[in-house]
Amino acid sequence: MLVIGGLVFMLLCVFGSFAASGGAIVPLVKSMPFELLTIMGAGVGTFVMASSIGDLKHVPGALGKAVKGPKFGRQDYLELLCLLFSFTRLAQSHGVMALEQHIETPMESTIFGKYPKIRDNQRVRRLICDYLRMISMNMDDPFQLDEVMSRELAKNLKEDCHVAHSLQTLADALPALGIVAAVLGVIKTMGSISKPPEVLGEMIAGALVGTFLGVLLAYGIVGPLSSRIRSVVEEDAHYYDLIRAVFVAFLQGNAPQVSVEIGRKDIPGELMPSFEEVDTALNELAVG
């Protein structure tokens, strides 16, 4: 909700200070709908031209991320560490073939069943199952697994950031589109040059609204929105990268609990469970 709160505060400050300083609101209000139609219409049109159908389908989800924030919290990281510990402990104690029943039918797995939020997240579930399957197929080189997983995670991050990049491109174009709207207003004004000065003054003021709106939309709304989406995507990417860190540490010969601790160190500071929290959760699993 910080995004909505910041947007409202910004608009109140911009228009409130203009009104409080004696600015004429009437020309602004009269011109704004048409200037917005010109600027936003051109902006949306160019955005659609530059995007694929798949990219456009992801726009509502990306905007939702900007409002809701990161998908994964502290408890989500703790549950993922516990899940990865269960799988690595099973592979160490019963061999990698014991993983097969869990990765081939994950919706029926007793381990996944303890963590329904992870089980029901298709991307996370597939990522875990795919690489556990590769480990069960004797991919025991940690450097090779690290390279393969890093490439996939980098590819996913790039795809997830595409909407943010597209919005930033739109933000870069909006000031120029505002000038386009302003020039159209000037052309309209020049066509009425014979009218009285007070009428021309109002028409010129209306034309300048286009430049104002283009800059405001670029640097006050679309640009910050793009940055917000990118930051949320990058923060959520740490969750997926945790899987890579634990699997690589396990293949390097570390015990399951040590592998989990190595992965824990990669979690962003404000979301990282303490050693005591993880140790208590893992001990409860071991007892269970």
C-alpha atoms as a PDB file:
ATOM      1  CA  MET A   1       0.000   0.000   0.000  1.00  0.00           C
ATOM      2  CA  LEU A   2       3.039   2.265   0.186  1.00  0.00           C
ATOM      3  CA  VAL A   3       2.821   2.733  -3.586  1.00  0.00           C
ATOM      4  CA  ILE A   4      -0.756   4.034  -3.423  1.00  0.00           C
ATOM      5  CA  GLY A   5       0.002   6.195  -0.391  1.00  0.00           C
ATOM      6  CA  GLY A   6       3.067   7.701  -2.067  1.00  0.00           C
ATOM      7  CA  LEU A   7       1.113   8.384  -5.268  1.00  0.00           C
ATOM      8  CA  VAL A   8      -1.697  10.165  -3.422  1.00  0.00           C
ATOM      9  CA  PHE A   9       0.787  12.217  -1.386  1.00  0.00           C
ATOM     10  CA  MET A  10       2.705  13.216  -4.520  1.00  0.00           C
ATOM     11  CA  LEU A  11      -0.432  14.341  -6.357  1.00  0.00           C
ATOM     12  CA  LEU A  12      -1.668  16.291  -3.352  1.00  0.00           C
ATOM     13  CA  CYS A  13       1.656  18.092  -3.045  1.00  0.00           C
ATOM     14  CA  VAL A  14       1.872  18.931  -6.768  1.00  0.00           C
ATOM     15  CA  PHE A  15      -1.689  20.151  -7.316  1.00  0.00           C
ATOM     16  CA  GLY A  16      -2.162  21.437  -3.769  1.00  0.00           C
ATOM     17  CA  SER A  17       0.908  23.667  -3.911  1.00  0.00           C
ATOM     18  CA  PHE A  18      -0.178  24.954  -7.345  1.00  0.00           C
ATOM     19  CA  ALA A  19      -3.619  25.878  -6.059  1.00  0.00           C
ATOM     20  CA  ALA A  20      -2.287  27.323  -2.797  1.00  0.00           C
ATOM     21  CA  SER A  21       0.128  29.590  -4.668  1.00  0.00           C
ATOM     22  CA  GLY A  22      -2.744  31.104  -6.629  1.00  0.00           C
ATOM     23  CA  GLY A  23      -2.459  28.993  -9.774  1.00  0.00           C
ATOM     24  CA  ALA A  24      -5.429  29.008 -12.127  1.00  0.00           C
ATOM     25  CA  ILE A  25      -7.066  25.589 -11.780  1.00  0.00           C
ATOM     26  CA  VAL A  26      -9.728  26.086 -14.460  1.00  0.00           C
ATOM     27  CA  PRO A  27      -7.418  25.946 -17.547  1.00  0.00           C
ATOM     28  CA  LEU A  28      -5.635  22.973 -16.006  1.00  0.00           C
ATOM     29  CA  VAL A  29      -8.834  21.029 -15.405  1.00  0.00           C
ATOM     30  CA  LYS A  30     -10.333  21.927 -18.789  1.00  0.00           C
ATOM     31  CA  SER A  31      -7.255  20.852 -20.741  1.00  0.00           C
ATOM     32  CA  MET A  32      -6.215  17.812 -18.707  1.00  0.00           C
ATOM     33  CA  PRO A  33      -8.651  15.196 -20.139  1.00  0.00           C
ATOM     34  CA  PHE A  34      -7.667  15.923 -23.742  1.00  0.00           C
ATOM     35  CA  GLU A  35      -3.948  16.185 -22.968  1.00  0.00           C
ATOM     36  CA  LEU A  36      -4.091  12.920 -21.005  1.00  0.00           C
ATOM     37  CA  LEU A  37      -5.902  11.242 -23.892  1.00  0.00           C
ATOM     38  CA  THR A  38      -3.168  12.362 -26.289  1.00  0.00           C
ATOM     39  CA  ILE A  39      -0.222  11.434 -24.039  1.00  0.00           C
ATOM     40  CA  MET A  40      -1.522   8.226 -22.492  1.00  0.00           C
ATOM     41  CA  GLY A  41      -3.119   7.083 -25.738  1.00  0.00           C
ATOM     42  CA  ALA A  42       0.166   7.504 -27.595  1.00  0.00           C
ATOM     43  CA  GLY A  43       2.062   5.923 -24.695  1.00  0.00           C
ATOM     44  CA  VAL A  44      -0.177   2.864 -24.485  1.00  0.00           C
ATOM     45  CA  GLY A  45      -0.105   2.491 -28.263  1.00  0.00           C
ATOM     46  CA  THR A  46       3.689   2.521 -28.423  1.00  0.00           C
ATOM     47  CA  PHE A  47       3.868   0.166 -25.417  1.00  0.00           C
ATOM     48  CA  VAL A  48       1.620  -2.334 -27.193  1.00  0.00           C
ATOM     49  CA  MET A  49       3.614  -1.985 -30.428  1.00  0.00           C
ATOM     50  CA  ALA A  50       6.857  -2.752 -28.611  1.00  0.00           C
ATOM     51  CA  SER A  51       5.533  -5.743 -26.619  1.00  0.00           C
ATOM     52  CA  SER A  52       4.501  -9.292 -27.397  1.00  0.00           C
ATOM     53  CA  ILE A  53       1.185 -10.872 -26.416  1.00  0.00           C
ATOM     54  CA  GLY A  54       2.940 -12.772 -23.627  1.00  0.00           C
ATOM     55  CA  ASP A  55       4.466  -9.582 -22.247  1.00  0.00           C
ATOM     56  CA  LEU A  56       1.105  -7.813 -22.245  1.00  0.00           C
ATOM     57  CA  LYS A  57      -0.472 -10.700 -20.327  1.00  0.00           C
ATOM     58  CA  HIS A  58       2.094 -10.200 -17.564  1.00  0.00           C
ATOM     59  CA  VAL A  59       1.347  -6.485 -17.118  1.00  0.00           C
ATOM     60  CA  PRO A  60      -1.587  -6.901 -14.634  1.00  0.00           C
ATOM     61  CA  GLY A  61       0.481  -9.312 -12.537  1.00  0.00           C
ATOM     62  CA  ALA A  62       3.453  -6.952 -12.540  1.00  0.00           C
ATOM     63  CA  LEU A  63       1.275  -4.038 -11.440  1.00  0.00           C
ATOM     64  CA  GLY A  64      -0.110  -6.261  -8.693  1.00  0.00           C
ATOM     65  CA  LYS A  65       3.441  -6.939  -7.503  1.00  0.00           C
ATOM     66  CA  ALA A  66       4.086  -3.208  -7.284  1.00  0.00           C
ATOM     67  CA  VAL A  67       1.085  -2.762  -4.986  1.00  0.00           C
ATOM     68  CA  LYS A  68       1.388  -5.953  -2.910  1.00  0.00           C
ATOM     69  CA  GLY A  69       5.163  -6.053  -2.622  1.00  0.00           C
ATOM     70  CA  PRO A  70       7.389  -9.166  -2.421  1.00  0.00           C
ATOM     71  CA  LYS A  71       5.615 -12.508  -2.491  1.00  0.00           C
ATOM     72  CA  PHE A  72       7.834 -14.285   0.048  1.00  0.00           C
ATOM     73  CA  GLY A  73       8.256 -13.388   3.702  1.00  0.00           C
ATOM     74  CA  ARG A  74      10.389 -14.579   6.592  1.00  0.00           C
ATOM     75  CA  GLN A  75       8.187 -17.608   7.295  1.00  0.00           C
ATOM     76  CA  ASP A  76       8.283 -18.628   3.628  1.00  0.00           C
ATOM     77  CA  TYR A  77      12.079 -18.743   3.699  1.00  0.00           C
ATOM     78  CA  LEU A  78      12.028 -20.776   6.898  1.00  0.00           C
ATOM     79  CA  GLU A  79       9.621 -23.311   5.389  1.00  0.00           C
ATOM     80  CA  LEU A  80      11.731 -23.599   2.241  1.00  0.00           C
ATOM     81  CA  LEU A  81      14.847 -24.271   4.322  1.00  0.00           C
ATOM     82  CA  CYS A  82      12.980 -27.012   6.187  1.00  0.00           C
ATOM     83  CA  LEU A  83      11.745 -28.565   2.932  1.00  0.00           C
ATOM     84  CA  LEU A  84      15.227 -28.565   1.391  1.00  0.00           C
ATOM     85  CA  PHE A  85      16.642 -30.053   4.582  1.00  0.00           C
ATOM     86  CA  SER A  86      14.103 -32.885   4.401  1.00  0.00           C
ATOM     87  CA  PHE A  87      15.057 -33.709   0.815  1.00  0.00           C
ATOM     88  CA  THR A  88      18.817 -33.516   1.333  1.00  0.00           C
ATOM     89  CA  ARG A  89      18.575 -35.596   4.514  1.00  0.00           C
ATOM     90  CA  LEU A  90      16.529 -38.206   2.653  1.00  0.00           C
ATOM     91  CA  ALA A  91      19.100 -38.322  -0.166  1.00  0.00           C
ATOM     92  CA  GLN A  92      21.965 -38.674   2.320  1.00  0.00           C
ATOM     93  CA  SER A  93      20.374 -41.382   4.454  1.00  0.00           C
ATOM     94  CA  HIS A  94      18.532 -43.468   1.833  1.00  0.00           C
ATOM     95  CA  GLY A  95      20.276 -42.546  -1.411  1.00  0.00           C
ATOM     96  CA  VAL A  96      19.174 -40.307  -4.248  1.00  0.00           C
ATOM     97  CA  MET A  97      16.782 -42.933  -5.628  1.00  0.00           C
ATOM     98  CA  ALA A  98      14.595 -42.401  -2.566  1.00  0.00           C
ATOM     99  CA  LEU A  99      13.779 -38.961  -3.997  1.00  0.00           C
ATOM    100  CA  GLU A 100      11.963 -40.412  -6.993  1.00  0.00           C
ATOM    101  CA  GLN A 101       8.561 -40.929  -5.365  1.00  0.00           C
ATOM    102  CA  HIS A 102       8.527 -37.314  -4.210  1.00  0.00           C
ATOM    103  CA  ILE A 103       9.676 -35.636  -7.420  1.00  0.00           C
ATOM    104  CA  GLU A 104       7.582 -37.705  -9.846  1.00  0.00           C
ATOM    105  CA  THR A 105       4.311 -37.169  -7.957  1.00  0.00           C
ATOM    106  CA  PRO A 106       4.961 -34.046  -5.869  1.00  0.00           C
ATOM    107  CA  MET A 107       1.258 -33.400  -5.208  1.00  0.00           C
ATOM    108  CA  GLU A 108       1.138 -36.743  -3.391  1.00  0.00           C
ATOM    109  CA  SER A 109       4.505 -36.363  -1.644  1.00  0.00           C
ATOM    110  CA  THR A 110       4.482 -36.503   2.154  1.00  0.00           C
ATOM    111  CA  ILE A 111       7.371 -34.023   2.280  1.00  0.00           C
ATOM    112  CA  PHE A 112       5.715 -31.503  -0.018  1.00  0.00           C
ATOM    113  CA  GLY A 113       2.467 -32.128   1.852  1.00  0.00           C
ATOM    114  CA  LYS A 114       3.927 -30.550   4.991  1.00  0.00           C
ATOM    115  CA  TYR A 115       4.419 -27.292   3.086  1.00  0.00           C
ATOM    116  CA  PRO A 116       1.296 -26.732   0.947  1.00  0.00           C
ATOM    117  CA  LYS A 117       2.268 -23.176   0.025  1.00  0.00           C
ATOM    118  CA  ILE A 118       5.472 -24.435  -1.599  1.00  0.00           C
ATOM    119  CA  ARG A 119       3.744 -27.442  -3.148  1.00  0.00           C
ATOM    120  CA  ASP A 120       1.067 -25.265  -4.739  1.00  0.00           C
ATOM    121  CA  ASN A 121       3.576 -22.781  -6.188  1.00  0.00           C
ATOM    122  CA  GLN A 122       4.180 -24.274  -9.619  1.00  0.00           C
ATOM    123  CA  ARG A 123       7.451 -22.476 -10.327  1.00  0.00           C
ATOM    124  CA  VAL A 124       9.035 -23.390  -6.995  1.00  0.00           C
ATOM    125  CA  ARG A 125       7.776 -26.963  -7.123  1.00  0.00           C
ATOM    126  CA  ARG A 126       9.066 -27.519 -10.655  1.00  0.00           C
ATOM    127  CA  LEU A 127      12.421 -25.947  -9.866  1.00  0.00           C
ATOM    128  CA  ILE A 128      12.945 -28.232  -6.871  1.00  0.00           C
ATOM    129  CA  CYS A 129      11.731 -31.355  -8.663  1.00  0.00           C
ATOM    130  CA  ASP A 130      13.707 -30.707 -11.855  1.00  0.00           C
ATOM    131  CA  TYR A 131      17.021 -30.370 -10.076  1.00  0.00           C
ATOM    132  CA  LEU A 132      16.382 -33.163  -7.602  1.00  0.00           C
ATOM    133  CA  ARG A 133      15.655 -35.297 -10.650  1.00  0.00           C
ATOM    134  CA  MET A 134      18.997 -34.294 -12.163  1.00  0.00           C
ATOM    135  CA  ILE A 135      20.731 -35.132  -8.895  1.00  0.00           C
ATOM    136  CA  SER A 136      19.008 -38.524  -8.842  1.00  0.00           C
ATOM    137  CA  MET A 137      20.313 -39.062 -12.397  1.00  0.00           C
ATOM    138  CA  ASN A 138      23.861 -38.867 -11.007  1.00  0.00           C
ATOM    139  CA  MET A 139      24.588 -35.205 -11.674  1.00  0.00           C
ATOM    140  CA  ASP A 140      26.966 -35.043  -8.739  1.00  0.00           C
ATOM    141  CA  ASP A 141      29.226 -32.228  -9.962  1.00  0.00           C
ATOM    142  CA  PRO A 142      28.352 -29.150  -7.864  1.00  0.00           C
ATOM    143  CA  PHE A 143      30.004 -26.765 -10.344  1.00  0.00           C
ATOM    144  CA  GLN A 144      27.933 -28.090 -13.232  1.00  0.00           C
ATOM    145  CA  LEU A 145      24.697 -27.903 -11.236  1.00  0.00           C
ATOM    146  CA  ASP A 146      25.582 -24.399 -10.092  1.00  0.00           C
ATOM    147  CA  GLU A 147      26.181 -23.281 -13.675  1.00  0.00           C
ATOM    148  CA  VAL A 148      22.960 -24.811 -15.018  1.00  0.00           C
ATOM    149  CA  MET A 149      20.796 -23.453 -12.205  1.00  0.00           C
ATOM    150  CA  SER A 150      22.412 -20.010 -12.359  1.00  0.00           C
ATOM    151  CA  ARG A 151      21.671 -19.773 -16.082  1.00  0.00           C
ATOM    152  CA  GLU A 152      18.033 -20.735 -15.590  1.00  0.00           C
ATOM    153  CA  LEU A 153      17.551 -18.347 -12.675  1.00  0.00           C
ATOM    154  CA  ALA A 154      19.181 -15.510 -14.636  1.00  0.00           C
ATOM    155  CA  LYS A 155      16.882 -16.247 -17.581  1.00  0.00           C
ATOM    156  CA  ASN A 156      13.818 -16.236 -15.315  1.00  0.00           C
ATOM    157  CA  LEU A 157      14.886 -12.966 -13.697  1.00  0.00           C
ATOM    158  CA  LYS A 158      15.359 -11.320 -17.071  1.00  0.00           C
ATOM    159  CA  GLU A 159      11.897 -12.463 -18.194  1.00  0.00           C
ATOM    160  CA  ASP A 160      10.287 -11.304 -14.944  1.00  0.00           C
ATOM    161  CA  CYS A 161      11.908  -7.869 -15.296  1.00  0.00           C
ATOM    162  CA  HIS A 162      10.708  -7.375 -18.862  1.00  0.00           C
ATOM    163  CA  VAL A 163       7.569  -5.450 -17.863  1.00  0.00           C
ATOM    164  CA  ALA A 164       9.687  -3.179 -15.645  1.00  0.00           C
ATOM    165  CA  HIS A 165      12.076  -2.517 -18.533  1.00  0.00           C
ATOM    166  CA  SER A 166       9.170  -1.786 -20.880  1.00  0.00           C
ATOM    167  CA  LEU A 167       7.620   0.627 -18.386  1.00  0.00           C
ATOM    168  CA  GLN A 168      10.960   2.397 -17.985  1.00  0.00           C
ATOM    169  CA  THR A 169      11.150   2.787 -21.762  1.00  0.00           C
ATOM    170  CA  LEU A 170       7.638   4.254 -21.685  1.00  0.00           C
ATOM    171  CA  ALA A 171       8.688   6.619 -18.881  1.00  0.00           C
ATOM    172  CA  ASP A 172      11.614   7.795 -21.000  1.00  0.00           C
ATOM    173  CA  ALA A 173       9.234   8.533 -23.889  1.00  0.00           C
ATOM    174  CA  LEU A 174       6.494  10.321 -21.942  1.00  0.00           C
ATOM    175  CA  PRO A 175       8.206  13.761 -21.730  1.00  0.00           C
ATOM    176  CA  ALA A 176       8.548  13.758 -25.532  1.00  0.00           C
ATOM    177  CA  LEU A 177       4.910  12.695 -25.905  1.00  0.00           C
ATOM    178  CA  GLY A 178       4.009  15.572 -23.603  1.00  0.00           C
ATOM    179  CA  ILE A 179       5.797  17.925 -25.979  1.00  0.00           C
ATOM    180  CA  VAL A 180       3.802  16.418 -28.845  1.00  0.00           C
ATOM    181  CA  ALA A 181       0.573  17.235 -26.976  1.00  0.00           C
ATOM    182  CA  ALA A 182       1.855  20.736 -26.215  1.00  0.00           C
ATOM    183  CA  VAL A 183       2.776  21.374 -29.865  1.00  0.00           C
ATOM    184  CA  LEU A 184      -0.701  20.316 -30.933  1.00  0.00           C
ATOM    185  CA  GLY A 185      -2.070  22.807 -28.430  1.00  0.00           C
ATOM    186  CA  VAL A 186       0.161  25.547 -29.830  1.00  0.00           C
ATOM    187  CA  ILE A 187      -1.033  24.734 -33.357  1.00  0.00           C
ATOM    188  CA  LYS A 188      -4.608  25.014 -32.149  1.00  0.00           C
ATOM    189  CA  THR A 189      -3.773  28.349 -30.508  1.00  0.00           C
ATOM    190  CA  MET A 190      -2.096  29.731 -33.639  1.00  0.00           C
ATOM    191  CA  GLY A 191      -5.219  28.858 -35.588  1.00  0.00           C
ATOM    192  CA  SER A 192      -7.140  31.197 -33.296  1.00  0.00           C
ATOM    193  CA  ILE A 193      -4.623  34.052 -33.279  1.00  0.00           C
ATOM    194  CA  SER A 194      -7.328  36.613 -34.041  1.00  0.00           C
ATOM    195  CA  LYS A 195      -9.119  35.982 -30.749  1.00  0.00           C
ATOM    196  CA  PRO A 196      -8.786  38.312 -27.724  1.00  0.00           C
ATOM    197  CA  PRO A 197      -5.600  38.050 -25.538  1.00  0.00           C
ATOM    198  CA  GLU A 198      -7.450  36.559 -22.563  1.00  0.00           C
ATOM    199  CA  VAL A 199      -8.718  33.712 -24.761  1.00  0.00           C
ATOM    200  CA  LEU A 200      -5.293  33.130 -26.290  1.00  0.00           C
ATOM    201  CA  GLY A 201      -3.724  33.145 -22.828  1.00  0.00           C
ATOM    202  CA  GLU A 202      -6.047  30.394 -21.671  1.00  0.00           C
ATOM    203  CA  MET A 203      -5.369  28.366 -24.823  1.00  0.00           C
ATOM    204  CA  ILE A 204      -1.585  28.694 -24.389  1.00  0.00           C
ATOM    205  CA  ALA A 205      -1.927  27.646 -20.745  1.00  0.00           C
ATOM    206  CA  GLY A 206      -3.878  24.603 -21.880  1.00  0.00           C
ATOM    207  CA  ALA A 207      -1.170  23.726 -24.392  1.00  0.00           C
ATOM    208  CA  LEU A 208       1.521  23.850 -21.702  1.00  0.00           C
ATOM    209  CA  VAL A 209      -0.465  21.340 -19.650  1.00  0.00           C
ATOM    210  CA  GLY A 210       0.740  18.665 -22.105  1.00  0.00           C
ATOM    211  CA  THR A 211       4.391  19.267 -21.237  1.00  0.00           C
ATOM    212  CA  PHE A 212       3.550  19.319 -17.534  1.00  0.00           C
ATOM    213  CA  LEU A 213       1.630  16.035 -17.663  1.00  0.00           C
ATOM    214  CA  GLY A 214       4.286  14.291 -19.763  1.00  0.00           C
ATOM    215  CA  VAL A 215       6.999  15.102 -17.227  1.00  0.00           C
ATOM    216  CA  LEU A 216       4.763  14.311 -14.229  1.00  0.00           C
ATOM    217  CA  LEU A 217       3.687  10.938 -15.618  1.00  0.00           C
ATOM    218  CA  ALA A 218       7.271  10.021 -16.542  1.00  0.00           C
ATOM    219  CA  TYR A 219       9.095  10.940 -13.349  1.00  0.00           C
ATOM    220  CA  GLY A 220       6.251  10.898 -10.853  1.00  0.00           C
ATOM    221  CA  ILE A 221       4.302   7.752 -11.767  1.00  0.00           C
ATOM    222  CA  VAL A 222       5.556   5.423 -14.517  1.00  0.00           C
ATOM    223  CA  GLY A 223       9.281   5.681 -13.686  1.00  0.00           C
ATOM    224  CA  PRO A 224       8.854   4.950  -9.948  1.00  0.00           C
ATOM    225  CA  LEU A 225       6.390   2.180 -10.789  1.00  0.00           C
ATOM    226  CA  SER A 226       8.992   0.561 -13.029  1.00  0.00           C
ATOM    227  CA  SER A 227      11.622   0.764 -10.277  1.00  0.00           C
ATOM    228  CA  ARG A 228       9.197  -0.710  -7.756  1.00  0.00           C
ATOM    229  CA  ILE A 229       8.348  -3.692  -9.957  1.00  0.00           C
ATOM    230  CA  ARG A 230      12.033  -4.359 -10.606  1.00  0.00           C
ATOM    231  CA  SER A 231      12.923  -4.224  -6.906  1.00  0.00           C
ATOM    232  CA  VAL A 232      10.086  -6.622  -5.991  1.00  0.00           C
ATOM    233  CA  VAL A 233      11.105  -9.088  -8.721  1.00  0.00           C
ATOM    234  CA  GLU A 234      14.756  -8.970  -7.653  1.00  0.00           C
ATOM    235  CA  GLU A 235      13.845  -9.506  -3.992  1.00  0.00           C
ATOM    236  CA  ASP A 236      11.659 -12.515  -4.820  1.00  0.00           C
ATOM    237  CA  ALA A 237      14.526 -13.907  -6.927  1.00  0.00           C
ATOM    238  CA  HIS A 238      16.474 -14.539  -3.701  1.00  0.00           C
ATOM    239  CA  TYR A 239      13.870 -17.153  -2.784  1.00  0.00           C
ATOM    240  CA  TYR A 240      14.551 -19.184  -5.925  1.00  0.00           C
ATOM    241  CA  ASP A 241      18.292 -18.698  -5.579  1.00  0.00           C
ATOM    242  CA  LEU A 242      18.128 -20.231  -2.104  1.00  0.00           C
ATOM    243  CA  ILE A 243      17.277 -23.580  -3.722  1.00  0.00           C
ATOM    244  CA  ARG A 244      20.426 -23.358  -5.845  1.00  0.00           C
ATOM    245  CA  ALA A 245      22.600 -22.471  -2.853  1.00  0.00           C
ATOM    246  CA  VAL A 246      21.416 -25.422  -0.743  1.00  0.00           C
ATOM    247  CA  PHE A 247      21.640 -28.001  -3.549  1.00  0.00           C
ATOM    248  CA  VAL A 248      25.126 -26.882  -4.570  1.00  0.00           C
ATOM    249  CA  ALA A 249      26.327 -26.917  -0.962  1.00  0.00           C
ATOM    250  CA  PHE A 250      24.928 -30.435  -0.520  1.00  0.00           C
ATOM    251  CA  LEU A 251      26.672 -31.735  -3.656  1.00  0.00           C
ATOM    252  CA  GLN A 252      29.902 -30.238  -2.372  1.00  0.00           C
ATOM    253  CA  GLY A 253      29.749 -32.828   0.394  1.00  0.00           C
ATOM    254  CA  ASN A 254      28.244 -30.802   3.221  1.00  0.00           C
ATOM    255  CA  ALA A 255      25.800 -32.320   5.681  1.00  0.00           C
ATOM    256  CA  PRO A 256      22.137 -31.363   5.166  1.00  0.00           C
ATOM    257  CA  GLN A 257      22.092 -29.024   8.166  1.00  0.00           C
ATOM    258  CA  VAL A 258      25.305 -27.322   7.039  1.00  0.00           C
ATOM    259  CA  SER A 259      23.925 -26.979   3.497  1.00  0.00           C
ATOM    260  CA  VAL A 260      20.828 -25.303   4.874  1.00  0.00           C
ATOM    261  CA  GLU A 261      22.945 -22.934   6.951  1.00  0.00           C
ATOM    262  CA  ILE A 262      24.989 -22.011   3.875  1.00  0.00           C
ATOM    263  CA  GLY A 263      21.741 -21.265   2.040  1.00  0.00           C
ATOM    264  CA  ARG A 264      20.389 -19.240   4.966  1.00  0.00           C
ATOM    265  CA  LYS A 265      23.309 -16.833   4.622  1.00  0.00           C
ATOM    266  CA  ASP A 266      22.114 -15.915   1.109  1.00  0.00           C
ATOM    267  CA  ILE A 267      18.710 -14.693   2.342  1.00  0.00           C
ATOM    268  CA  PRO A 268      18.249 -10.888   2.466  1.00  0.00           C
ATOM    269  CA  GLY A 269      18.944  -9.579   5.957  1.00  0.00           C
ATOM    270  CA  GLU A 270      15.454  -8.415   6.908  1.00  0.00           C
ATOM    271  CA  LEU A 271      13.939 -11.717   5.774  1.00  0.00           C
ATOM    272  CA  MET A 272      16.645 -14.067   7.071  1.00  0.00           C
ATOM    273  CA  PRO A 273      15.533 -16.353   9.924  1.00  0.00           C
ATOM    274  CA  SER A 274      17.975 -16.518  12.800  1.00  0.00           C
ATOM    275  CA  PHE A 275      20.203 -19.530  13.323  1.00  0.00           C
ATOM    276  CA  GLU A 276      18.187 -20.409  16.425  1.00  0.00           C
ATOM    277  CA  GLU A 277      14.888 -20.340  14.520  1.00  0.00           C
ATOM    278  CA  VAL A 278      16.215 -22.603  11.774  1.00  0.00           C
ATOM    279  CA  ASP A 279      17.924 -24.932  14.270  1.00  0.00           C
ATOM    280  CA  THR A 280      14.734 -25.312  16.287  1.00  0.00           C
ATOM    281  CA  ALA A 281      12.670 -26.011  13.146  1.00  0.00           C
ATOM    282  CA  LEU A 282      15.163 -28.597  11.868  1.00  0.00           C
ATOM    283  CA  ASN A 283      15.352 -30.322  15.256  1.00  0.00           C
ATOM    284  CA  GLU A 284      11.577 -30.634  15.260  1.00  0.00           C
ATOM    285  CA  LEU A 285      11.787 -32.269  11.826  1.00  0.00           C
ATOM    286  CA  ALA A 286      14.474 -34.659  13.034  1.00  0.00           C
ATOM    287  CA  VAL A 287      12.350 -35.660  16.030  1.00  0.00           C
ATOM    288  CA  GLY A 288       9.309 -36.044  13.800  1.00  0.00           C
END
